[in-house]
Structure formats: structure tokens, C-alpha cells
Amino acid sequence: MLTAFAQAFKTPDLRKKLLFTLGIIVLYRMGTHVPIPGVSYKNVQICVDQAQQGNSLFGLVNMFSGGALLQITIFALGIMPYITASIILQLLTVVIPRLEALKKEGQAGTAKITQYTRYLTVALAILQGTGLVATARSGALFSGCQVASEIVPNHSIFTTITMVVTMTAGTAAVMWLGELITDRGIGNGMSILMFISIASSFPTSLWAIKKQGHLAQGWIEFGTVILVGLVMVALVVFVEQAQRRIPVQYAKRMIGRRSYGGTSTYIPLKVNQAGVIPVIFASSLLYIPALVVQFSNSTAGWATWVKDNFVKGDHPYYIISYFLLIVFFAFFYVAISFNPEEVADNMKKYGGFIPGIRAGRPTAEYLSYVLNRITWPGSLYLGLIALVPTMALVIFGANQSFPLGGTSILIIVGVGLETVKQIESQLQQRNYEGFLR
């Protein structure tokens, strides 16, 4: 990894792309510290310090925004609206025939879907921004903070509209910065911004764990967390790189005097085919009951049961529900993102076949069988990795923003591997010695 970056800095055009990407990252991090108009910065800091010592209900969204959500800055919503919009469009592609047709049109269809994603991102930013402002005004953003109701001193309509417009514009700016990295930088722009948002909270969270104990005990816990993090990174790298390669052969065809085909390739099926999406789905779904209780301020029996079992995260009901939801969404997302029948039809159309398997329906059934078998260990792996913060709650007494959570490790390792692959592929293109040399 370090070798790839060192060689990239020695290449003039790649060095410009890397420096441009670093400049965009600095600009993005600056925006996460600029408060929006109408917010009392002093009261926000008081409540943020108390929230870091307790549990934050909005920990997942705050992690994706790089800590900007609880700071209520211009980039408070971060890239979460874009992630949500992308997931929604991907799900709708399976349901709506028009979107499915656009997906098959190639580059023109993809550009159209990207345009729809941008529109939906702005709409979701307006909706989420309005919800965040309403939550901050009511004092529910920092439950238990004495000055939580004074975070937004002015409750006028003009101030509310200004805050929502500012956060929506900030989301649009983040989306634009990500596309700049994709077009003029090293690529994979939105994922890199997500990587930076999560990694930026690591030093503060790790040092908070060190300060929880006494001098010797704090260093022991700090070292244990670092060791656990390294083991988790090694495990995630191993599983993320693991894949089942299904061999495919293409028959040789004679067209005129030229022969086509006759090659051998393979279909790579990853063990973790769903990525981090099931963890995000499960976390978001489990946030809903706690949000309903917090906004309703109900004292009924069901509200008390939800507070006791589905807020802190270390209750057996929460752990079991979280694990089962991750397994379910892993199979669900793999089912909608990989279509064995479509792959089998494309192989049959171009004369491809799996050795020992007939083309057409038998090929689709074989692919479904293999996919289901490798999804089981992939889903169980996701569930176990995602339960690491829960174990930290029990062992270290950490808060729910534990730095080495399953979601954060999965995203950081995945984005890191993808970025290194892109840099290495660009280096190979520039250092390739072909017939012209």
C-alpha cells in the first residue's frame, strides 16, 4: 500500500491527482467545523462534551458526518442523504421497469440514474435537515443536557428556513466535492469522503478510552483496543478479498475468416457480496423504535420496554435482533443485486458455459445454489463484526460511538483496498511497456 502511494507521488500526473484529492479533503474537513446560522455554538459544545461521555442515539449518522451532525455545522448531514438516495435508487431499479431499462442502456442510462440520485439526495437533505432542526429546537438532540433546549435560541420561521437551506446546500456541496474527486482526483470520491469522515473520529475516541481508566489501567485498555482493531482489520481484509471463482468457457465461433471466443474466464462471487449495506439497514431499522419513544415522550409500558431493551444496545433482545436483521438483509441485498438468471442468459447469448453445467436454466440454478452457500458465512461474518461495539459496551464500558465498530472497520478497509487497487491500475497503465517501446 505504501509502495503504491510512493510510486504514485513519483508520477507527475498522479501526484497532481493525489494533491488535488488532499486539497478537497482539507476543504471538506474545514466545512465540518463551520456552524450554521441560528445555533448557539457555546451551548452545542457543552452538550457535545456530555454526549461523548454518555450514549448518543444519533451515533451512526454522526459517524458518517465525521462528527458534524452533533456539532450542527454546514456539513451536518454529510454524505448520509447521498448514501440513502443511492440505496433507494438501487432498490427501485429492481421494482420499476423504467429504471431497470435505464440500467441496461449503458453509460447514458447510468448518467440518467445518477441525475435522479442527485435530485433525491437534495430532497432527502431537505427532509433530514428539517428533522434535525426540529430535534435541536425541542432539545431532543441531546437528551439529558441542561442547555439542550437553548441550542437554537431563535425559533422564528426565517431562522428555521435559513438553517434548513444551509444544511441542504452543505449536502449539495459535499456531493459536488465527491464528484470532483471522482472526475479530477484519484476516483471513488464519495467513498473517500466517507472514509475520511469515519477515520477523523478515531484519535479522539481512542484517547477517550485511555482517559476512562487510571494511569496503568487506561494504557492497558488502550493497547487492548489497538490490538483488537488490528486483528479485526486483518480479518476483514481476509474475508473481503475472499471469493469463489466459477470457471466460464466461451466456445470458438467462426465469422468469415476470423475466429472469436475460445477463451476461459471466471465469475468472481465474493463471500461478502452485500458489503456493508446490511449493517446500515439493520442499524437504521433498530433506531426507529428509540426515535419514536424519544419524540413521543410517552411513559406507557411499551415506551419503557423500548427504552430498557432497544436504546443502549447491550441488552440480549437488541443483540439478537441486530444479528438476525443483518443476516436477513445480507440475503435480501444479494438477491436484488445479483440476478443469476440474467447472468446465465448473457452467458448463453455470447456462447459461454460453466464446465459440466448446461447453459440456460441449469446455469442459473447452479449460480443461485453457490451464491446461497457463500452468503451464509458472509452474513454470519457481518453479524459478528457488527457486534464488536456491543462487546465493547460490556467489557470496557465504552459509549456507542466506540471507534472500532463493525461498520466503520468494514468501510475503512473496503475503501482503502479499492483506492489502492485504483492507484495500482493507473500506475500499470502509465508504466506499461507495449509493442511501441
Protein backbone atom coordinates (compact mmCIF):
# COMPACT_ATOMS: atom_id res chain seq x y z
CA MET A 1 0.00 0.00 0.00
CA LEU A 2 2.75 2.46 0.97
CA THR A 3 4.74 1.40 -2.09
CA ALA A 4 1.80 2.22 -4.38
CA PHE A 5 1.45 5.71 -2.88
CA ALA A 6 5.22 6.31 -3.07
CA GLN A 7 5.28 5.35 -6.76
CA ALA A 8 2.18 7.46 -7.41
CA PHE A 9 3.89 10.58 -6.00
CA LYS A 10 6.82 9.96 -8.35
CA THR A 11 4.46 10.10 -11.35
CA PRO A 12 3.68 13.78 -12.23
CA ASP A 13 0.02 13.43 -13.29
CA LEU A 14 -0.83 11.04 -10.45
CA ARG A 15 0.88 13.37 -7.99
CA LYS A 16 -1.38 16.19 -9.17
CA LYS A 17 -4.44 13.99 -8.67
CA LEU A 18 -3.35 12.99 -5.18
CA LEU A 19 -2.64 16.60 -4.16
CA PHE A 20 -5.98 17.69 -5.61
CA THR A 21 -7.73 14.97 -3.60
CA LEU A 22 -5.91 16.03 -0.42
CA GLY A 23 -6.99 19.64 -1.04
CA ILE A 24 -10.64 18.59 -1.37
CA ILE A 25 -10.35 16.54 1.84
CA VAL A 26 -8.97 19.55 3.74
CA LEU A 27 -11.81 21.70 2.41
CA TYR A 28 -14.34 19.08 3.45
CA ARG A 29 -12.93 18.81 6.97
CA MET A 30 -12.99 22.60 7.33
CA GLY A 31 -16.69 22.61 6.46
CA THR A 32 -17.44 20.10 9.23
CA HIS A 33 -16.36 22.72 11.81
CA VAL A 34 -18.29 25.76 10.50
CA PRO A 35 -21.56 26.17 12.49
CA ILE A 36 -24.77 27.09 10.69
CA PRO A 37 -26.57 30.41 11.41
CA GLY A 38 -29.02 30.43 14.32
CA VAL A 39 -27.13 27.95 16.52
CA SER A 40 -25.56 28.74 19.89
CA TYR A 41 -22.05 27.35 19.45
CA LYS A 42 -21.29 27.58 23.19
CA ASN A 43 -24.32 25.51 24.21
CA VAL A 44 -23.61 22.98 21.45
CA GLN A 45 -20.09 22.39 22.80
CA ILE A 46 -21.43 21.89 26.33
CA CYS A 47 -23.92 19.26 25.14
CA VAL A 48 -21.40 17.57 22.83
CA ASP A 49 -18.99 17.08 25.74
CA GLN A 50 -21.79 15.48 27.78
CA ALA A 51 -22.88 13.32 24.81
CA GLN A 52 -19.35 11.94 24.40
CA GLN A 53 -19.50 10.73 27.98
CA GLY A 54 -22.92 9.10 27.51
CA ASN A 55 -24.79 7.44 24.69
CA SER A 56 -25.79 9.19 21.51
CA LEU A 57 -28.92 7.99 19.75
CA PHE A 58 -27.65 9.52 16.51
CA GLY A 59 -24.26 7.79 16.66
CA LEU A 60 -24.46 6.15 13.22
CA VAL A 61 -25.40 9.35 11.35
CA ASN A 62 -22.88 11.34 13.37
CA MET A 63 -20.16 8.83 12.40
CA PHE A 64 -20.93 9.22 8.67
CA SER A 65 -20.80 13.02 9.01
CA GLY A 66 -17.42 12.97 10.72
CA GLY A 67 -18.88 14.37 13.97
CA ALA A 68 -20.52 17.30 12.16
CA LEU A 69 -24.09 16.23 12.98
CA LEU A 70 -23.89 16.82 16.72
CA GLN A 71 -21.86 19.99 16.06
CA ILE A 72 -24.73 21.20 13.79
CA THR A 73 -22.38 22.57 11.14
CA ILE A 74 -22.95 23.32 7.43
CA PHE A 75 -21.92 19.72 6.60
CA ALA A 76 -24.02 18.28 9.45
CA LEU A 77 -25.89 15.86 7.19
CA GLY A 78 -22.67 14.80 5.47
CA ILE A 79 -22.99 12.15 2.79
CA MET A 80 -25.81 10.24 4.51
CA PRO A 81 -28.54 11.65 2.19
CA TYR A 82 -26.48 10.59 -0.85
CA ILE A 83 -25.94 7.09 0.58
CA THR A 84 -29.65 6.76 1.32
CA ALA A 85 -30.61 8.03 -2.15
CA SER A 86 -28.19 5.62 -3.83
CA ILE A 87 -29.58 2.65 -1.88
CA ILE A 88 -33.19 3.68 -2.65
CA LEU A 89 -32.45 4.00 -6.39
CA GLN A 90 -30.70 0.63 -6.39
CA LEU A 91 -33.72 -0.99 -4.74
CA LEU A 92 -36.16 0.76 -7.07
CA THR A 93 -34.20 -0.47 -10.10
CA VAL A 94 -35.47 -3.97 -9.32
CA VAL A 95 -39.07 -2.80 -8.88
CA ILE A 96 -39.54 -0.11 -11.56
CA PRO A 97 -39.12 -1.38 -15.18
CA ARG A 98 -38.14 2.11 -16.43
CA LEU A 99 -35.11 2.25 -14.11
CA GLU A 100 -34.18 -1.32 -14.99
CA ALA A 101 -34.24 -0.38 -18.69
CA LEU A 102 -32.03 2.66 -17.98
CA LYS A 103 -29.54 0.45 -16.18
CA LYS A 104 -29.23 -1.76 -19.27
CA GLU A 105 -28.62 1.20 -21.60
CA GLY A 106 -25.02 1.53 -20.52
CA GLN A 107 -23.30 4.84 -19.88
CA ALA A 108 -26.26 7.02 -20.94
CA GLY A 109 -28.65 5.14 -18.64
CA THR A 110 -26.18 5.28 -15.76
CA ALA A 111 -25.85 9.05 -16.18
CA LYS A 112 -29.63 9.39 -16.02
CA ILE A 113 -29.83 7.29 -12.84
CA THR A 114 -27.03 9.41 -11.34
CA GLN A 115 -29.09 12.53 -12.11
CA TYR A 116 -32.10 11.02 -10.34
CA THR A 117 -29.86 10.19 -7.38
CA ARG A 118 -28.80 13.84 -7.11
CA TYR A 119 -32.39 15.08 -7.12
CA LEU A 120 -33.37 12.53 -4.48
CA THR A 121 -30.32 13.49 -2.38
CA VAL A 122 -31.43 17.14 -2.26
CA ALA A 123 -34.99 16.11 -1.35
CA LEU A 124 -33.74 13.84 1.44
CA ALA A 125 -31.39 16.60 2.65
CA ILE A 126 -34.35 18.98 3.00
CA LEU A 127 -36.32 16.34 4.89
CA GLN A 128 -33.45 15.32 7.18
CA GLY A 129 -32.39 18.94 7.72
CA THR A 130 -35.91 19.85 8.81
CA GLY A 131 -35.95 16.91 11.19
CA LEU A 132 -32.55 17.83 12.63
CA VAL A 133 -33.59 21.46 13.22
CA ALA A 134 -36.85 20.35 14.87
CA THR A 135 -34.93 17.89 17.05
CA ALA A 136 -32.39 20.56 18.08
CA ARG A 137 -35.12 23.11 18.86
CA SER A 138 -37.02 20.66 21.08
CA GLY A 139 -33.87 19.69 22.99
CA ALA A 140 -34.21 16.03 22.00
CA LEU A 141 -30.88 16.05 20.11
CA PHE A 142 -29.03 15.93 23.44
CA SER A 143 -31.29 14.23 25.95
CA GLY A 144 -30.16 14.94 29.49
CA CYS A 145 -28.22 18.12 28.65
CA GLN A 146 -29.34 21.13 30.74
CA VAL A 147 -28.92 23.65 27.91
CA ALA A 148 -30.25 21.35 25.14
CA SER A 149 -33.37 23.50 24.67
CA GLU A 150 -31.19 26.63 24.26
CA ILE A 151 -29.15 25.31 21.30
CA VAL A 152 -31.43 27.20 18.89
CA PRO A 153 -32.37 30.39 20.78
CA ASN A 154 -34.45 31.89 17.95
CA HIS A 155 -37.46 29.78 16.92
CA SER A 156 -38.68 32.07 14.13
CA ILE A 157 -39.69 30.66 10.74
CA PHE A 158 -36.99 32.66 8.93
CA THR A 159 -34.25 31.20 11.17
CA THR A 160 -35.58 27.68 10.66
CA ILE A 161 -35.70 28.07 6.88
CA THR A 162 -32.19 29.54 6.86
CA MET A 163 -30.84 26.58 8.85
CA VAL A 164 -32.51 24.00 6.61
CA VAL A 165 -31.35 25.74 3.41
CA THR A 166 -27.79 25.99 4.74
CA MET A 167 -27.60 22.28 5.58
CA THR A 168 -29.17 21.33 2.24
CA ALA A 169 -26.62 23.48 0.43
CA GLY A 170 -23.89 21.84 2.50
CA THR A 171 -25.08 18.38 1.41
CA ALA A 172 -25.07 19.51 -2.24
CA ALA A 173 -21.54 20.87 -1.75
CA VAL A 174 -20.37 17.56 -0.25
CA MET A 175 -21.88 15.71 -3.22
CA TRP A 176 -20.07 18.09 -5.59
CA LEU A 177 -16.75 17.64 -3.75
CA GLY A 178 -17.11 13.87 -4.03
CA GLU A 179 -17.75 14.10 -7.76
CA LEU A 180 -14.71 16.36 -8.14
CA ILE A 181 -12.53 13.68 -6.55
CA THR A 182 -14.06 11.09 -8.89
CA ASP A 183 -13.52 13.19 -12.04
CA ARG A 184 -10.26 15.05 -11.33
CA GLY A 185 -8.79 13.16 -8.39
CA ILE A 186 -7.93 9.52 -7.81
CA GLY A 187 -11.57 8.41 -8.17
CA ASN A 188 -14.11 6.83 -5.81
CA GLY A 189 -14.91 10.29 -4.44
CA MET A 190 -17.93 9.66 -2.19
CA SER A 191 -16.31 6.60 -0.65
CA ILE A 192 -13.15 8.57 0.14
CA LEU A 193 -15.18 11.30 1.88
CA MET A 194 -16.93 8.56 3.85
CA PHE A 195 -13.52 7.11 4.74
CA ILE A 196 -12.28 10.50 5.97
CA SER A 197 -15.46 11.13 7.99
CA ILE A 198 -15.11 7.87 9.89
CA ALA A 199 -11.32 7.94 10.31
CA SER A 200 -11.39 11.52 11.67
CA SER A 201 -13.15 10.35 14.85
CA PHE A 202 -10.64 7.60 15.63
CA PRO A 203 -7.97 9.61 17.55
CA THR A 204 -10.48 11.33 19.86
CA SER A 205 -12.42 8.14 20.57
CA LEU A 206 -9.29 6.11 21.25
CA TRP A 207 -7.92 8.74 23.62
CA ALA A 208 -11.28 8.88 25.41
CA ILE A 209 -10.92 5.15 26.13
CA LYS A 210 -7.43 5.82 27.54
CA LYS A 211 -8.78 8.50 29.90
CA GLN A 212 -11.60 6.31 31.26
CA GLY A 213 -9.35 4.25 33.49
CA HIS A 214 -6.48 5.03 35.83
CA LEU A 215 -2.95 5.57 34.55
CA ALA A 216 -1.90 1.92 34.20
CA GLN A 217 -5.38 0.54 33.53
CA GLY A 218 -6.05 3.19 30.88
CA TRP A 219 -2.95 2.25 28.93
CA ILE A 220 -3.83 -1.45 29.15
CA GLU A 221 -7.33 -0.82 27.77
CA PHE A 222 -5.87 1.46 25.09
CA GLY A 223 -3.40 -1.19 23.99
CA THR A 224 -6.08 -3.90 24.07
CA VAL A 225 -8.35 -1.83 21.83
CA ILE A 226 -5.50 -1.21 19.36
CA LEU A 227 -4.70 -4.94 19.30
CA VAL A 228 -8.36 -5.85 18.76
CA GLY A 229 -8.53 -3.28 15.96
CA LEU A 230 -5.51 -4.77 14.17
CA VAL A 231 -6.98 -8.28 14.43
CA MET A 232 -10.31 -7.02 13.09
CA VAL A 233 -8.63 -5.25 10.16
CA ALA A 234 -6.70 -8.42 9.28
CA LEU A 235 -9.90 -10.48 9.47
CA VAL A 236 -11.87 -8.01 7.36
CA VAL A 237 -9.13 -7.82 4.72
CA PHE A 238 -9.01 -11.63 4.54
CA VAL A 239 -12.78 -12.03 4.15
CA GLU A 240 -13.25 -9.05 1.82
CA GLN A 241 -10.64 -10.48 -0.55
CA ALA A 242 -12.10 -13.99 -0.39
CA GLN A 243 -14.16 -15.03 -3.41
CA ARG A 244 -15.49 -18.11 -5.16
CA ARG A 245 -14.34 -18.15 -8.78
CA ILE A 246 -16.74 -20.02 -11.03
CA PRO A 247 -14.94 -21.01 -14.28
CA VAL A 248 -16.58 -19.98 -17.56
CA GLN A 249 -15.57 -21.08 -21.06
CA TYR A 250 -16.61 -19.47 -24.33
CA ALA A 251 -16.95 -21.62 -27.42
CA LYS A 252 -14.93 -20.69 -30.50
CA ARG A 253 -17.05 -19.19 -33.31
CA MET A 254 -16.04 -18.64 -36.94
CA ILE A 255 -17.32 -15.43 -38.52
CA GLY A 256 -15.93 -15.21 -42.03
CA ARG A 257 -12.26 -15.99 -41.84
CA ARG A 258 -11.92 -14.83 -38.24
CA SER A 259 -12.46 -16.87 -35.12
CA TYR A 260 -13.94 -15.40 -31.97
CA GLY A 261 -14.18 -16.82 -28.47
CA GLY A 262 -12.42 -19.91 -27.27
CA THR A 263 -11.31 -18.14 -24.09
CA SER A 264 -11.59 -19.13 -20.42
CA THR A 265 -12.52 -16.72 -17.62
CA TYR A 266 -14.37 -16.85 -14.32
CA ILE A 267 -17.22 -15.21 -12.40
CA PRO A 268 -15.93 -13.84 -9.05
CA LEU A 269 -18.52 -14.27 -6.28
CA LYS A 270 -17.35 -12.57 -3.09
CA VAL A 271 -18.01 -14.16 0.27
CA ASN A 272 -19.28 -10.79 1.48
CA GLN A 273 -21.24 -9.97 -1.66
CA ALA A 274 -23.51 -7.49 0.15
CA GLY A 275 -20.74 -5.31 1.60
CA VAL A 276 -21.66 -3.02 4.50
CA ILE A 277 -25.24 -2.38 3.33
CA PRO A 278 -26.90 -5.00 5.63
CA VAL A 279 -25.26 -3.43 8.70
CA ILE A 280 -26.53 0.03 7.71
CA PHE A 281 -30.03 -1.32 7.06
CA ALA A 282 -30.17 -3.17 10.40
CA SER A 283 -28.79 -0.21 12.39
CA SER A 284 -31.24 2.22 10.78
CA LEU A 285 -34.20 -0.10 11.41
CA LEU A 286 -33.31 -0.55 15.09
CA TYR A 287 -33.05 3.24 15.52
CA ILE A 288 -36.73 3.68 14.64
CA PRO A 289 -38.28 2.41 17.93
CA ALA A 290 -35.94 4.55 20.04
CA LEU A 291 -36.65 7.62 17.89
CA VAL A 292 -40.41 7.10 18.23
CA VAL A 293 -40.12 6.90 22.01
CA GLN A 294 -37.86 9.94 22.20
CA PHE A 295 -40.11 12.17 20.09
CA SER A 296 -43.36 10.96 21.65
CA ASN A 297 -42.16 11.41 25.28
CA SER A 298 -44.54 8.61 26.18
CA THR A 299 -44.49 6.96 29.61
CA ALA A 300 -46.59 3.96 28.59
CA GLY A 301 -45.47 0.41 29.18
CA TRP A 302 -44.31 -0.16 25.60
CA ALA A 303 -42.18 3.01 25.70
CA THR A 304 -40.49 1.88 28.91
CA TRP A 305 -39.84 -1.56 27.42
CA VAL A 306 -38.23 0.00 24.31
CA LYS A 307 -36.04 2.28 26.47
CA ASP A 308 -34.86 -0.66 28.55
CA ASN A 309 -34.20 -3.06 25.67
CA PHE A 310 -33.50 -1.11 22.44
CA VAL A 311 -31.67 2.11 23.34
CA LYS A 312 -28.35 1.31 24.98
CA GLY A 313 -27.54 -1.69 22.80
CA ASP A 314 -26.17 -4.21 25.28
CA HIS A 315 -29.49 -5.95 26.04
CA PRO A 316 -29.91 -9.54 24.75
CA TYR A 317 -33.07 -8.59 22.82
CA TYR A 318 -31.17 -5.85 20.98
CA ILE A 319 -28.18 -8.09 20.24
CA ILE A 320 -30.31 -10.95 18.90
CA SER A 321 -32.49 -8.62 16.80
CA TYR A 322 -29.44 -6.83 15.39
CA PHE A 323 -27.73 -10.08 14.42
CA LEU A 324 -30.83 -11.60 12.80
CA LEU A 325 -31.59 -8.39 10.86
CA ILE A 326 -28.04 -8.31 9.47
CA VAL A 327 -28.32 -11.93 8.29
CA PHE A 328 -31.72 -11.23 6.72
CA PHE A 329 -30.63 -8.07 4.92
CA ALA A 330 -27.47 -9.80 3.67
CA PHE A 331 -29.57 -12.39 1.82
CA PHE A 332 -32.09 -9.73 0.76
CA TYR A 333 -29.49 -7.40 -0.74
CA VAL A 334 -27.63 -10.21 -2.50
CA ALA A 335 -30.93 -11.38 -4.01
CA ILE A 336 -31.70 -7.95 -5.51
CA SER A 337 -28.14 -7.01 -6.55
CA PHE A 338 -27.14 -10.25 -8.30
CA ASN A 339 -29.54 -11.85 -10.76
CA PRO A 340 -28.42 -15.41 -11.65
CA GLU A 341 -30.97 -15.69 -14.48
CA GLU A 342 -29.67 -12.51 -16.15
CA VAL A 343 -26.06 -13.69 -15.84
CA ALA A 344 -26.99 -17.11 -17.27
CA ASP A 345 -28.85 -15.50 -20.20
CA ASN A 346 -25.89 -13.23 -21.01
CA MET A 347 -23.51 -16.19 -20.91
CA LYS A 348 -25.78 -18.20 -23.23
CA LYS A 349 -26.12 -15.26 -25.62
CA TYR A 350 -22.34 -14.99 -26.08
CA GLY A 351 -21.66 -18.73 -26.17
CA GLY A 352 -20.39 -19.09 -22.61
CA PHE A 353 -20.96 -22.04 -20.29
CA ILE A 354 -19.80 -23.43 -16.97
CA PRO A 355 -17.94 -26.74 -17.45
CA GLY A 356 -20.25 -29.60 -16.51
CA ILE A 357 -23.35 -27.37 -16.36
CA ARG A 358 -25.82 -26.92 -19.20
CA ALA A 359 -26.43 -23.40 -20.44
CA GLY A 360 -29.67 -21.60 -19.56
CA ARG A 361 -31.81 -22.58 -16.57
CA PRO A 362 -29.38 -25.17 -15.09
CA THR A 363 -26.67 -22.48 -15.05
CA ALA A 364 -28.98 -20.03 -13.22
CA GLU A 365 -29.89 -22.71 -10.67
CA TYR A 366 -26.22 -23.55 -10.12
CA LEU A 367 -25.31 -19.89 -9.61
CA SER A 368 -28.18 -19.48 -7.11
CA TYR A 369 -27.03 -22.57 -5.23
CA VAL A 370 -23.42 -21.36 -4.98
CA LEU A 371 -24.49 -17.83 -4.07
CA ASN A 372 -26.71 -19.05 -1.22
CA ARG A 373 -23.94 -21.24 0.16
CA ILE A 374 -21.31 -18.48 0.27
CA THR A 375 -23.80 -15.87 1.56
CA TRP A 376 -24.29 -17.84 4.78
CA PRO A 377 -20.69 -17.42 6.04
CA GLY A 378 -20.67 -13.86 4.68
CA SER A 379 -23.80 -12.90 6.62
CA LEU A 380 -22.58 -14.56 9.83
CA TYR A 381 -19.26 -12.75 9.47
CA LEU A 382 -21.06 -9.40 9.09
CA GLY A 383 -23.17 -10.09 12.17
CA LEU A 384 -20.16 -10.98 14.31
CA ILE A 385 -18.13 -7.97 13.15
CA ALA A 386 -21.07 -5.63 13.81
CA LEU A 387 -21.40 -6.92 17.41
CA VAL A 388 -17.90 -5.69 18.34
CA PRO A 389 -19.20 -2.32 19.70
CA THR A 390 -21.71 -4.23 21.83
CA MET A 391 -18.91 -6.32 23.30
CA ALA A 392 -17.02 -3.08 23.96
CA LEU A 393 -20.05 -1.75 25.87
CA VAL A 394 -19.92 -4.77 28.16
CA ILE A 395 -16.13 -5.19 28.55
CA PHE A 396 -14.81 -1.60 28.52
CA GLY A 397 -17.95 0.34 29.38
CA ALA A 398 -17.43 2.33 26.18
CA ASN A 399 -20.09 4.51 24.61
CA GLN A 400 -21.97 3.63 21.43
CA SER A 401 -19.52 5.67 19.33
CA PHE A 402 -16.84 3.04 20.01
CA PRO A 403 -14.21 3.74 17.33
CA LEU A 404 -13.57 0.17 16.16
CA GLY A 405 -17.17 -0.66 15.30
CA GLY A 406 -18.02 -3.16 12.63
CA THR A 407 -19.49 -0.59 10.25
CA SER A 408 -16.50 1.74 10.49
CA ILE A 409 -13.92 -1.05 10.05
CA LEU A 410 -15.78 -2.53 7.07
CA ILE A 411 -16.00 0.84 5.32
CA ILE A 412 -12.42 1.90 6.04
CA VAL A 413 -10.90 -1.42 4.91
CA GLY A 414 -13.17 -1.65 1.86
CA VAL A 415 -12.48 1.90 0.69
CA GLY A 416 -8.77 1.54 1.42
CA LEU A 417 -8.47 -1.64 -0.65
CA GLU A 418 -10.46 -0.14 -3.53
CA THR A 419 -8.38 3.07 -3.54
CA VAL A 420 -5.10 1.15 -3.59
CA LYS A 421 -6.40 -1.01 -6.47
CA GLN A 422 -7.29 2.11 -8.47
CA ILE A 423 -3.88 3.69 -7.87
CA GLU A 424 -2.10 0.47 -8.85
CA SER A 425 -4.18 0.13 -12.02
CA GLN A 426 -3.32 3.70 -13.03
CA LEU A 427 0.35 3.03 -12.33
CA GLN A 428 0.23 -0.07 -14.54
CA GLN A 429 -1.31 1.94 -17.38
CA ARG A 430 1.47 4.52 -17.20
CA ASN A 431 4.33 2.05 -16.77
CA TYR A 432 3.12 -0.45 -19.37
CA GLU A 433 5.73 -1.33 -21.97
CA GLY A 434 3.93 -2.43 -25.08
CA PHE A 435 4.87 -3.02 -28.73
CA LEU A 436 5.62 0.69 -29.34
CA ARG A 437 8.57 0.70 -26.96
